[in-house]
């Protein structure tokens, strides 16, 4: 990011309250986490060109809010964590 100018707005599919967002280093993916625990993974290009992009993948098996998302350097793995989850504080997803 070189500026704080808004280039597009989009609605996260099915999200009521967003809690986290992460972009992959290679510019391929954008992940959005929600309070309900759903994490949607989008094509970053679709997010820049559409107001209602469809997720490439949706993770719906988390029990608590997804408060932290991070892609690995090659964008093959997405780490998902919750500061509210006691028994399993993190999950890993192959993109």
PDB file of N, CA and C in Angstrom:
ATOM      1  N   UNK A   1       0.837  -1.182   0.000  1.00  0.00           N
ATOM      2  CA  UNK A   1       0.000   0.000   0.000  1.00  0.00           C
ATOM      3  C   UNK A   1       0.879   1.242   0.000  1.00  0.00           C
ATOM      4  N   UNK A   2       0.617   2.076  -0.956  1.00  0.00           N
ATOM      5  CA  UNK A   2       1.381   3.306  -1.035  1.00  0.00           C
ATOM      6  C   UNK A   2       0.540   4.531  -0.704  1.00  0.00           C
ATOM      7  N   UNK A   3      -0.776   4.339  -0.628  1.00  0.00           N
ATOM      8  CA  UNK A   3      -1.636   5.470  -0.288  1.00  0.00           C
ATOM      9  C   UNK A   3      -2.807   4.977   0.541  1.00  0.00           C
ATOM     10  N   UNK A   4      -3.528   5.901   1.104  1.00  0.00           N
ATOM     11  CA  UNK A   4      -4.696   5.538   1.897  1.00  0.00           C
ATOM     12  C   UNK A   4      -5.985   5.789   1.126  1.00  0.00           C
ATOM     13  N   UNK A   5      -5.885   5.875  -0.194  1.00  0.00           N
ATOM     14  CA  UNK A   5      -7.036   6.112  -1.049  1.00  0.00           C
ATOM     15  C   UNK A   5      -7.849   4.826  -1.214  1.00  0.00           C
ATOM     16  N   UNK A   6      -9.146   4.916  -1.074  1.00  0.00           N
ATOM     17  CA  UNK A   6     -10.033   3.768  -1.255  1.00  0.00           C
ATOM     18  C   UNK A   6     -10.187   3.480  -2.751  1.00  0.00           C
ATOM     19  N   UNK A   7      -9.866   2.250  -3.160  1.00  0.00           N
ATOM     20  CA  UNK A   7      -9.978   1.898  -4.577  1.00  0.00           C
ATOM     21  C   UNK A   7     -11.249   1.113  -4.876  1.00  0.00           C
ATOM     22  N   UNK A   8     -11.838   0.473  -3.863  1.00  0.00           N
ATOM     23  CA  UNK A   8     -13.106  -0.246  -4.036  1.00  0.00           C
ATOM     24  C   UNK A   8     -13.636  -0.648  -2.664  1.00  0.00           C
ATOM     25  N   UNK A   9     -14.936  -0.773  -2.574  1.00  0.00           N
ATOM     26  CA  UNK A   9     -15.598  -1.317  -1.385  1.00  0.00           C
ATOM     27  C   UNK A   9     -16.350  -2.552  -1.815  1.00  0.00           C
ATOM     28  N   UNK A  10     -16.367  -3.553  -0.931  1.00  0.00           N
ATOM     29  CA  UNK A  10     -17.145  -4.753  -1.232  1.00  0.00           C
ATOM     30  C   UNK A  10     -17.732  -5.305   0.053  1.00  0.00           C
ATOM     31  N   UNK A  11     -18.789  -6.080  -0.099  1.00  0.00           N
ATOM     32  CA  UNK A  11     -19.449  -6.704   1.044  1.00  0.00           C
ATOM     33  C   UNK A  11     -18.923  -8.123   1.207  1.00  0.00           C
ATOM     34  N   UNK A  12     -18.471  -8.452   2.417  1.00  0.00           N
ATOM     35  CA  UNK A  12     -18.021  -9.802   2.730  1.00  0.00           C
ATOM     36  C   UNK A  12     -19.253 -10.700   2.781  1.00  0.00           C
ATOM     37  N   UNK A  13     -19.276 -11.733   1.984  1.00  0.00           N
ATOM     38  CA  UNK A  13     -20.427 -12.617   1.831  1.00  0.00           C
ATOM     39  C   UNK A  13     -20.873 -13.213   3.166  1.00  0.00           C
ATOM     40  N   UNK A  14     -22.067 -12.865   3.616  1.00  0.00           N
ATOM     41  CA  UNK A  14     -22.639 -13.422   4.833  1.00  0.00           C
ATOM     42  C   UNK A  14     -22.113 -12.846   6.135  1.00  0.00           C
ATOM     43  N   UNK A  15     -21.280 -11.852   6.071  1.00  0.00           N
ATOM     44  CA  UNK A  15     -20.674 -11.287   7.281  1.00  0.00           C
ATOM     45  C   UNK A  15     -21.575 -10.226   7.912  1.00  0.00           C
ATOM     46  N   UNK A  16     -21.744 -10.308   9.237  1.00  0.00           N
ATOM     47  CA  UNK A  16     -22.486  -9.296   9.971  1.00  0.00           C
ATOM     48  C   UNK A  16     -21.517  -8.323  10.633  1.00  0.00           C
ATOM     49  N   UNK A  17     -20.446  -8.865  11.248  1.00  0.00           N
ATOM     50  CA  UNK A  17     -19.433  -8.017  11.879  1.00  0.00           C
ATOM     51  C   UNK A  17     -18.046  -8.582  11.584  1.00  0.00           C
ATOM     52  N   UNK A  18     -17.277  -7.855  10.792  1.00  0.00           N
ATOM     53  CA  UNK A  18     -15.921  -8.269  10.452  1.00  0.00           C
ATOM     54  C   UNK A  18     -14.968  -8.037  11.603  1.00  0.00           C
ATOM     55  N   UNK A  19     -14.020  -8.963  11.795  1.00  0.00           N
ATOM     56  CA  UNK A  19     -13.073  -8.845  12.898  1.00  0.00           C
ATOM     57  C   UNK A  19     -11.616  -8.847  12.442  1.00  0.00           C
ATOM     58  N   UNK A  20     -11.340  -9.326  11.228  1.00  0.00           N
ATOM     59  CA  UNK A  20      -9.959  -9.366  10.751  1.00  0.00           C
ATOM     60  C   UNK A  20      -9.916  -9.436   9.231  1.00  0.00           C
ATOM     61  N   UNK A  21      -8.770  -9.018   8.687  1.00  0.00           N
ATOM     62  CA  UNK A  21      -8.565  -9.059   7.242  1.00  0.00           C
ATOM     63  C   UNK A  21      -7.080  -9.271   6.987  1.00  0.00           C
ATOM     64  N   UNK A  22      -6.756 -10.021   5.932  1.00  0.00           N
ATOM     65  CA  UNK A  22      -5.355 -10.253   5.570  1.00  0.00           C
ATOM     66  C   UNK A  22      -5.248 -10.371   4.061  1.00  0.00           C
ATOM     67  N   UNK A  23      -4.186  -9.804   3.518  1.00  0.00           N
ATOM     68  CA  UNK A  23      -3.891  -9.911   2.090  1.00  0.00           C
ATOM     69  C   UNK A  23      -2.631 -10.753   1.925  1.00  0.00           C
ATOM     70  N   UNK A  24      -2.640 -11.625   0.918  1.00  0.00           N
ATOM     71  CA  UNK A  24      -1.445 -12.423   0.655  1.00  0.00           C
ATOM     72  C   UNK A  24      -0.376 -11.548   0.017  1.00  0.00           C
ATOM     73  N   UNK A  25       0.872 -11.897   0.256  1.00  0.00           N
ATOM     74  CA  UNK A  25       1.991 -11.092  -0.249  1.00  0.00           C
ATOM     75  C   UNK A  25       2.029 -11.031  -1.772  1.00  0.00           C
ATOM     76  N   UNK A  26       1.615 -12.111  -2.428  1.00  0.00           N
ATOM     77  CA  UNK A  26       1.678 -12.136  -3.886  1.00  0.00           C
ATOM     78  C   UNK A  26       0.475 -11.461  -4.558  1.00  0.00           C
ATOM     79  N   UNK A  27      -0.452 -10.941  -3.766  1.00  0.00           N
ATOM     80  CA  UNK A  27      -1.605 -10.237  -4.314  1.00  0.00           C
ATOM     81  C   UNK A  27      -2.689 -11.129  -4.866  1.00  0.00           C
ATOM     82  N   UNK A  28      -2.628 -12.412  -4.573  1.00  0.00           N
ATOM     83  CA  UNK A  28      -3.607 -13.357  -5.116  1.00  0.00           C
ATOM     84  C   UNK A  28      -4.868 -13.463  -4.259  1.00  0.00           C
ATOM     85  N   UNK A  29      -4.725 -13.429  -2.935  1.00  0.00           N
ATOM     86  CA  UNK A  29      -5.855 -13.684  -2.042  1.00  0.00           C
ATOM     87  C   UNK A  29      -6.095 -12.551  -1.046  1.00  0.00           C
ATOM     88  N   UNK A  30      -7.352 -12.483  -0.596  1.00  0.00           N
ATOM     89  CA  UNK A  30      -7.751 -11.605   0.487  1.00  0.00           C
ATOM     90  C   UNK A  30      -8.649 -12.437   1.398  1.00  0.00           C
ATOM     91  N   UNK A  31      -8.324 -12.507   2.678  1.00  0.00           N
ATOM     92  CA  UNK A  31      -9.114 -13.285   3.636  1.00  0.00           C
ATOM     93  C   UNK A  31      -9.807 -12.336   4.604  1.00  0.00           C
ATOM     94  N   UNK A  32     -11.068 -12.624   4.901  1.00  0.00           N
ATOM     95  CA  UNK A  32     -11.863 -11.805   5.821  1.00  0.00           C
ATOM     96  C   UNK A  32     -12.430 -12.700   6.908  1.00  0.00           C
ATOM     97  N   UNK A  33     -12.177 -12.348   8.169  1.00  0.00           N
ATOM     98  CA  UNK A  33     -12.703 -13.096   9.304  1.00  0.00           C
ATOM     99  C   UNK A  33     -13.850 -12.359   9.953  1.00  0.00           C
ATOM    100  N   UNK A  34     -14.779 -13.112  10.532  1.00  0.00           N
ATOM    101  CA  UNK A  34     -15.955 -12.488  11.143  1.00  0.00           C
ATOM    102  C   UNK A  34     -16.128 -12.912  12.597  1.00  0.00           C
ATOM    103  N   UNK A  35     -16.991 -12.194  13.273  1.00  0.00           N
ATOM    104  CA  UNK A  35     -17.268 -12.471  14.682  1.00  0.00           C
ATOM    105  C   UNK A  35     -17.889 -13.852  14.872  1.00  0.00           C
ATOM    106  N   UNK A  36     -18.628 -14.324  13.882  1.00  0.00           N
ATOM    107  CA  UNK A  36     -19.270 -15.634  13.985  1.00  0.00           C
ATOM    108  C   UNK A  36     -18.294 -16.781  13.756  1.00  0.00           C
ATOM    109  N   UNK A  37     -17.054 -16.480  13.359  1.00  0.00           N
ATOM    110  CA  UNK A  37     -16.056 -17.516  13.128  1.00  0.00           C
ATOM    111  C   UNK A  37     -15.898 -17.906  11.677  1.00  0.00           C
ATOM    112  N   UNK A  38     -16.687 -17.354  10.794  1.00  0.00           N
ATOM    113  CA  UNK A  38     -16.574 -17.652   9.366  1.00  0.00           C
ATOM    114  C   UNK A  38     -15.409 -16.863   8.781  1.00  0.00           C
ATOM    115  N   UNK A  39     -14.577 -17.544   7.983  1.00  0.00           N
ATOM    116  CA  UNK A  39     -13.482 -16.896   7.266  1.00  0.00           C
ATOM    117  C   UNK A  39     -13.692 -17.139   5.782  1.00  0.00           C
ATOM    118  N   UNK A  40     -13.806 -16.065   5.020  1.00  0.00           N
ATOM    119  CA  UNK A  40     -13.955 -16.160   3.566  1.00  0.00           C
ATOM    120  C   UNK A  40     -12.642 -15.788   2.904  1.00  0.00           C
ATOM    121  N   UNK A  41     -12.265 -16.554   1.875  1.00  0.00           N
ATOM    122  CA  UNK A  41     -11.072 -16.270   1.101  1.00  0.00           C
ATOM    123  C   UNK A  41     -11.508 -15.888  -0.308  1.00  0.00           C
ATOM    124  N   UNK A  42     -11.068 -14.712  -0.742  1.00  0.00           N
ATOM    125  CA  UNK A  42     -11.444 -14.165  -2.039  1.00  0.00           C
ATOM    126  C   UNK A  42     -10.232 -14.025  -2.943  1.00  0.00           C
ATOM    127  N   UNK A  43     -10.495 -13.951  -4.236  1.00  0.00           N
ATOM    128  CA  UNK A  43      -9.484 -13.507  -5.176  1.00  0.00           C
ATOM    129  C   UNK A  43      -9.340 -12.004  -4.967  1.00  0.00           C
ATOM    130  N   UNK A  44      -8.119 -11.523  -4.787  1.00  0.00           N
ATOM    131  CA  UNK A  44      -7.933 -10.093  -4.552  1.00  0.00           C
ATOM    132  C   UNK A  44      -8.395  -9.281  -5.768  1.00  0.00           C
ATOM    133  N   UNK A  45      -8.225  -9.830  -6.950  1.00  0.00           N
ATOM    134  CA  UNK A  45      -8.675  -9.148  -8.161  1.00  0.00           C
ATOM    135  C   UNK A  45     -10.193  -8.965  -8.159  1.00  0.00           C
ATOM    136  N   UNK A  46     -10.929  -9.988  -7.727  1.00  0.00           N
ATOM    137  CA  UNK A  46     -12.390  -9.886  -7.658  1.00  0.00           C
ATOM    138  C   UNK A  46     -12.825  -8.829  -6.657  1.00  0.00           C
ATOM    139  N   UNK A  47     -12.100  -8.715  -5.551  1.00  0.00           N
ATOM    140  CA  UNK A  47     -12.431  -7.711  -4.536  1.00  0.00           C
ATOM    141  C   UNK A  47     -12.193  -6.284  -5.031  1.00  0.00           C
ATOM    142  N   UNK A  48     -11.224  -6.127  -5.918  1.00  0.00           N
ATOM    143  CA  UNK A  48     -10.925  -4.802  -6.457  1.00  0.00           C
ATOM    144  C   UNK A  48     -11.879  -4.390  -7.573  1.00  0.00           C
ATOM    145  N   UNK A  49     -12.555  -5.376  -8.189  1.00  0.00           N
ATOM    146  CA  UNK A  49     -13.383  -5.084  -9.358  1.00  0.00           C
ATOM    147  C   UNK A  49     -14.877  -5.311  -9.162  1.00  0.00           C
ATOM    148  N   UNK A  50     -15.293  -5.754  -7.979  1.00  0.00           N
ATOM    149  CA  UNK A  50     -16.705  -6.070  -7.763  1.00  0.00           C
ATOM    150  C   UNK A  50     -17.164  -5.589  -6.386  1.00  0.00           C
ATOM    151  N   UNK A  51     -18.426  -5.218  -6.298  1.00  0.00           N
ATOM    152  CA  UNK A  51     -18.998  -4.831  -5.008  1.00  0.00           C
ATOM    153  C   UNK A  51     -19.499  -6.046  -4.236  1.00  0.00           C
ATOM    154  N   UNK A  52     -19.702  -7.169  -4.921  1.00  0.00           N
ATOM    155  CA  UNK A  52     -20.198  -8.395  -4.294  1.00  0.00           C
ATOM    156  C   UNK A  52     -19.452  -9.620  -4.811  1.00  0.00           C
ATOM    157  N   UNK A  53     -18.153  -9.731  -4.529  1.00  0.00           N
ATOM    158  CA  UNK A  53     -17.414 -10.900  -5.012  1.00  0.00           C
ATOM    159  C   UNK A  53     -17.835 -12.166  -4.266  1.00  0.00           C
ATOM    160  N   UNK A  54     -17.697 -13.297  -4.909  1.00  0.00           N
ATOM    161  CA  UNK A  54     -18.002 -14.582  -4.286  1.00  0.00           C
ATOM    162  C   UNK A  54     -16.710 -15.186  -3.738  1.00  0.00           C
ATOM    163  N   UNK A  55     -16.751 -15.741  -2.539  1.00  0.00           N
ATOM    164  CA  UNK A  55     -15.540 -16.331  -1.959  1.00  0.00           C
ATOM    165  C   UNK A  55     -15.073 -17.557  -2.743  1.00  0.00           C
ATOM    166  N   UNK A  56     -13.758 -17.728  -2.829  1.00  0.00           N
ATOM    167  CA  UNK A  56     -13.186 -18.936  -3.416  1.00  0.00           C
ATOM    168  C   UNK A  56     -13.336 -20.101  -2.445  1.00  0.00           C
ATOM    169  N   UNK A  57     -13.163 -19.795  -1.152  1.00  0.00           N
ATOM    170  CA  UNK A  57     -13.317 -20.788  -0.085  1.00  0.00           C
ATOM    171  C   UNK A  57     -13.962 -20.113   1.114  1.00  0.00           C
ATOM    172  N   UNK A  58     -14.689 -20.898   1.898  1.00  0.00           N
ATOM    173  CA  UNK A  58     -15.276 -20.410   3.141  1.00  0.00           C
ATOM    174  C   UNK A  58     -14.987 -21.434   4.237  1.00  0.00           C
ATOM    175  N   UNK A  59     -14.435 -20.965   5.344  1.00  0.00           N
ATOM    176  CA  UNK A  59     -14.160 -21.821   6.499  1.00  0.00           C
ATOM    177  C   UNK A  59     -15.254 -21.528   7.511  1.00  0.00           C
ATOM    178  N   UNK A  60     -16.043 -22.556   7.836  1.00  0.00           N
ATOM    179  CA  UNK A  60     -17.202 -22.342   8.700  1.00  0.00           C
ATOM    180  C   UNK A  60     -17.182 -23.214   9.945  1.00  0.00           C
ATOM    181  N   UNK A  61     -16.058 -23.831  10.248  1.00  0.00           N
ATOM    182  CA  UNK A  61     -16.029 -24.746  11.396  1.00  0.00           C
ATOM    183  C   UNK A  61     -15.395 -24.156  12.643  1.00  0.00           C
ATOM    184  N   UNK A  62     -15.139 -22.850  12.649  1.00  0.00           N
ATOM    185  CA  UNK A  62     -14.595 -22.219  13.849  1.00  0.00           C
ATOM    186  C   UNK A  62     -15.727 -21.919  14.834  1.00  0.00           C
ATOM    187  N   UNK A  63     -15.434 -22.054  16.105  1.00  0.00           N
ATOM    188  CA  UNK A  63     -16.462 -21.874  17.117  1.00  0.00           C
ATOM    189  C   UNK A  63     -16.518 -20.459  17.686  1.00  0.00           C
ATOM    190  N   UNK A  64     -15.438 -19.700  17.512  1.00  0.00           N
ATOM    191  CA  UNK A  64     -15.382 -18.346  18.052  1.00  0.00           C
ATOM    192  C   UNK A  64     -14.884 -17.378  16.983  1.00  0.00           C
ATOM    193  N   UNK A  65     -14.873 -16.124  17.302  1.00  0.00           N
ATOM    194  CA  UNK A  65     -14.477 -15.055  16.396  1.00  0.00           C
ATOM    195  C   UNK A  65     -13.071 -15.265  15.834  1.00  0.00           C
ATOM    196  N   UNK A  66     -12.901 -15.032  14.537  1.00  0.00           N
ATOM    197  CA  UNK A  66     -11.580 -15.104  13.891  1.00  0.00           C
ATOM    198  C   UNK A  66     -10.926 -13.731  14.037  1.00  0.00           C
ATOM    199  N   UNK A  67     -10.071 -13.585  15.034  1.00  0.00           N
ATOM    200  CA  UNK A  67      -9.509 -12.268  15.336  1.00  0.00           C
ATOM    201  C   UNK A  67      -8.159 -12.007  14.681  1.00  0.00           C
ATOM    202  N   UNK A  68      -7.527 -13.029  14.120  1.00  0.00           N
ATOM    203  CA  UNK A  68      -6.232 -12.838  13.482  1.00  0.00           C
ATOM    204  C   UNK A  68      -6.080 -13.771  12.286  1.00  0.00           C
ATOM    205  N   UNK A  69      -5.655 -13.216  11.149  1.00  0.00           N
ATOM    206  CA  UNK A  69      -5.440 -13.978   9.929  1.00  0.00           C
ATOM    207  C   UNK A  69      -4.070 -13.619   9.373  1.00  0.00           C
ATOM    208  N   UNK A  70      -3.317 -14.619   8.898  1.00  0.00           N
ATOM    209  CA  UNK A  70      -2.012 -14.369   8.305  1.00  0.00           C
ATOM    210  C   UNK A  70      -1.708 -15.424   7.248  1.00  0.00           C
ATOM    211  N   UNK A  71      -1.304 -14.976   6.059  1.00  0.00           N
ATOM    212  CA  UNK A  71      -0.847 -15.881   5.014  1.00  0.00           C
ATOM    213  C   UNK A  71       0.648 -16.118   5.185  1.00  0.00           C
ATOM    214  N   UNK A  72       1.113 -17.322   4.796  1.00  0.00           N
ATOM    215  CA  UNK A  72       2.552 -17.550   4.792  1.00  0.00           C
ATOM    216  C   UNK A  72       3.152 -16.830   3.579  1.00  0.00           C
ATOM    217  N   UNK A  73       4.490 -16.719   3.478  1.00  0.00           N
ATOM    218  CA  UNK A  73       5.105 -15.943   2.399  1.00  0.00           C
ATOM    219  C   UNK A  73       4.747 -16.395   0.986  1.00  0.00           C
ATOM    220  N   UNK A  74       4.444 -17.684   0.786  1.00  0.00           N
ATOM    221  CA  UNK A  74       4.094 -18.162  -0.553  1.00  0.00           C
ATOM    222  C   UNK A  74       2.584 -18.166  -0.801  1.00  0.00           C
ATOM    223  N   UNK A  75       1.810 -17.735   0.155  1.00  0.00           N
ATOM    224  CA  UNK A  75       0.340 -17.645   0.070  1.00  0.00           C
ATOM    225  C   UNK A  75      -0.351 -19.002  -0.040  1.00  0.00           C
ATOM    226  N   UNK A  76       0.344 -20.073   0.321  1.00  0.00           N
ATOM    227  CA  UNK A  76      -0.244 -21.408   0.261  1.00  0.00           C
ATOM    228  C   UNK A  76      -0.997 -21.784   1.532  1.00  0.00           C
ATOM    229  N   UNK A  77      -0.668 -21.119   2.641  1.00  0.00           N
ATOM    230  CA  UNK A  77      -1.256 -21.466   3.934  1.00  0.00           C
ATOM    231  C   UNK A  77      -1.792 -20.209   4.612  1.00  0.00           C
ATOM    232  N   UNK A  78      -2.985 -20.325   5.167  1.00  0.00           N
ATOM    233  CA  UNK A  78      -3.593 -19.246   5.940  1.00  0.00           C
ATOM    234  C   UNK A  78      -3.709 -19.696   7.383  1.00  0.00           C
ATOM    235  N   UNK A  79      -3.109 -18.950   8.288  1.00  0.00           N
ATOM    236  CA  UNK A  79      -3.229 -19.226   9.725  1.00  0.00           C
ATOM    237  C   UNK A  79      -4.375 -18.381  10.273  1.00  0.00           C
ATOM    238  N   UNK A  80      -5.249 -19.026  11.044  1.00  0.00           N
ATOM    239  CA  UNK A  80      -6.417 -18.371  11.620  1.00  0.00           C
ATOM    240  C   UNK A  80      -6.347 -18.541  13.132  1.00  0.00           C
ATOM    241  N   UNK A  81      -6.493 -17.450  13.869  1.00  0.00           N
ATOM    242  CA  UNK A  81      -6.431 -17.537  15.322  1.00  0.00           C
ATOM    243  C   UNK A  81      -7.573 -16.750  15.955  1.00  0.00           C
ATOM    244  N   UNK A  82      -7.893 -17.146  17.177  1.00  0.00           N
ATOM    245  CA  UNK A  82      -8.918 -16.465  17.948  1.00  0.00           C
ATOM    246  C   UNK A  82      -8.406 -16.234  19.348  1.00  0.00           C
ATOM    247  N   UNK A  83      -8.517 -15.023  19.817  1.00  0.00           N
ATOM    248  CA  UNK A  83      -8.088 -14.765  21.185  1.00  0.00           C
ATOM    249  C   UNK A  83      -9.122 -15.252  22.188  1.00  0.00           C
ATOM    250  N   UNK A  84     -10.292 -15.681  21.726  1.00  0.00           N
ATOM    251  CA  UNK A  84     -11.358 -16.143  22.611  1.00  0.00           C
ATOM    252  C   UNK A  84     -11.477 -17.654  22.675  1.00  0.00           C
ATOM    253  N   UNK A  85     -10.728 -18.370  21.853  1.00  0.00           N
ATOM    254  CA  UNK A  85     -10.852 -19.815  21.793  1.00  0.00           C
ATOM    255  C   UNK A  85      -9.899 -20.455  22.790  1.00  0.00           C
ATOM    256  N   UNK A  86     -10.399 -21.322  23.650  1.00  0.00           N
ATOM    257  CA  UNK A  86      -9.593 -21.881  24.710  1.00  0.00           C
ATOM    258  C   UNK A  86      -8.996 -23.238  24.352  1.00  0.00           C
ATOM    259  N   UNK A  87      -9.766 -24.123  23.764  1.00  0.00           N
ATOM    260  CA  UNK A  87      -9.259 -25.468  23.506  1.00  0.00           C
ATOM    261  C   UNK A  87      -8.403 -25.536  22.247  1.00  0.00           C
ATOM    262  N   UNK A  88      -8.718 -24.792  21.206  1.00  0.00           N
ATOM    263  CA  UNK A  88      -7.946 -24.778  19.970  1.00  0.00           C
ATOM    264  C   UNK A  88      -7.763 -23.337  19.522  1.00  0.00           C
ATOM    265  N   UNK A  89      -6.705 -22.660  19.978  1.00  0.00           N
ATOM    266  CA  UNK A  89      -6.554 -21.237  19.697  1.00  0.00           C
ATOM    267  C   UNK A  89      -6.151 -20.897  18.270  1.00  0.00           C
ATOM    268  N   UNK A  90      -5.805 -21.885  17.422  1.00  0.00           N
ATOM    269  CA  UNK A  90      -5.386 -21.581  16.064  1.00  0.00           C
ATOM    270  C   UNK A  90      -5.774 -22.709  15.113  1.00  0.00           C
ATOM    271  N   UNK A  91      -5.933 -22.353  13.846  1.00  0.00           N
ATOM    272  CA  UNK A  91      -6.211 -23.315  12.788  1.00  0.00           C
ATOM    273  C   UNK A  91      -5.333 -22.948  11.602  1.00  0.00           C
ATOM    274  N   UNK A  92      -5.078 -23.940  10.748  1.00  0.00           N
ATOM    275  CA  UNK A  92      -4.278 -23.721   9.552  1.00  0.00           C
ATOM    276  C   UNK A  92      -5.056 -24.265   8.366  1.00  0.00           C
ATOM    277  N   UNK A  93      -5.080 -23.493   7.277  1.00  0.00           N
ATOM    278  CA  UNK A  93      -5.831 -23.875   6.085  1.00  0.00           C
ATOM    279  C   UNK A  93      -4.929 -23.791   4.875  1.00  0.00           C
ATOM    280  N   UNK A  94      -4.942 -24.838   4.052  1.00  0.00           N
ATOM    281  CA  UNK A  94      -4.191 -24.815   2.799  1.00  0.00           C
ATOM    282  C   UNK A  94      -5.057 -24.117   1.757  1.00  0.00           C
ATOM    283  N   UNK A  95      -4.543 -23.017   1.163  1.00  0.00           N
ATOM    284  CA  UNK A  95      -5.308 -22.268   0.182  1.00  0.00           C
ATOM    285  C   UNK A  95      -5.190 -22.904  -1.150  1.00  0.00           C
TER     286      UNK A  95
END
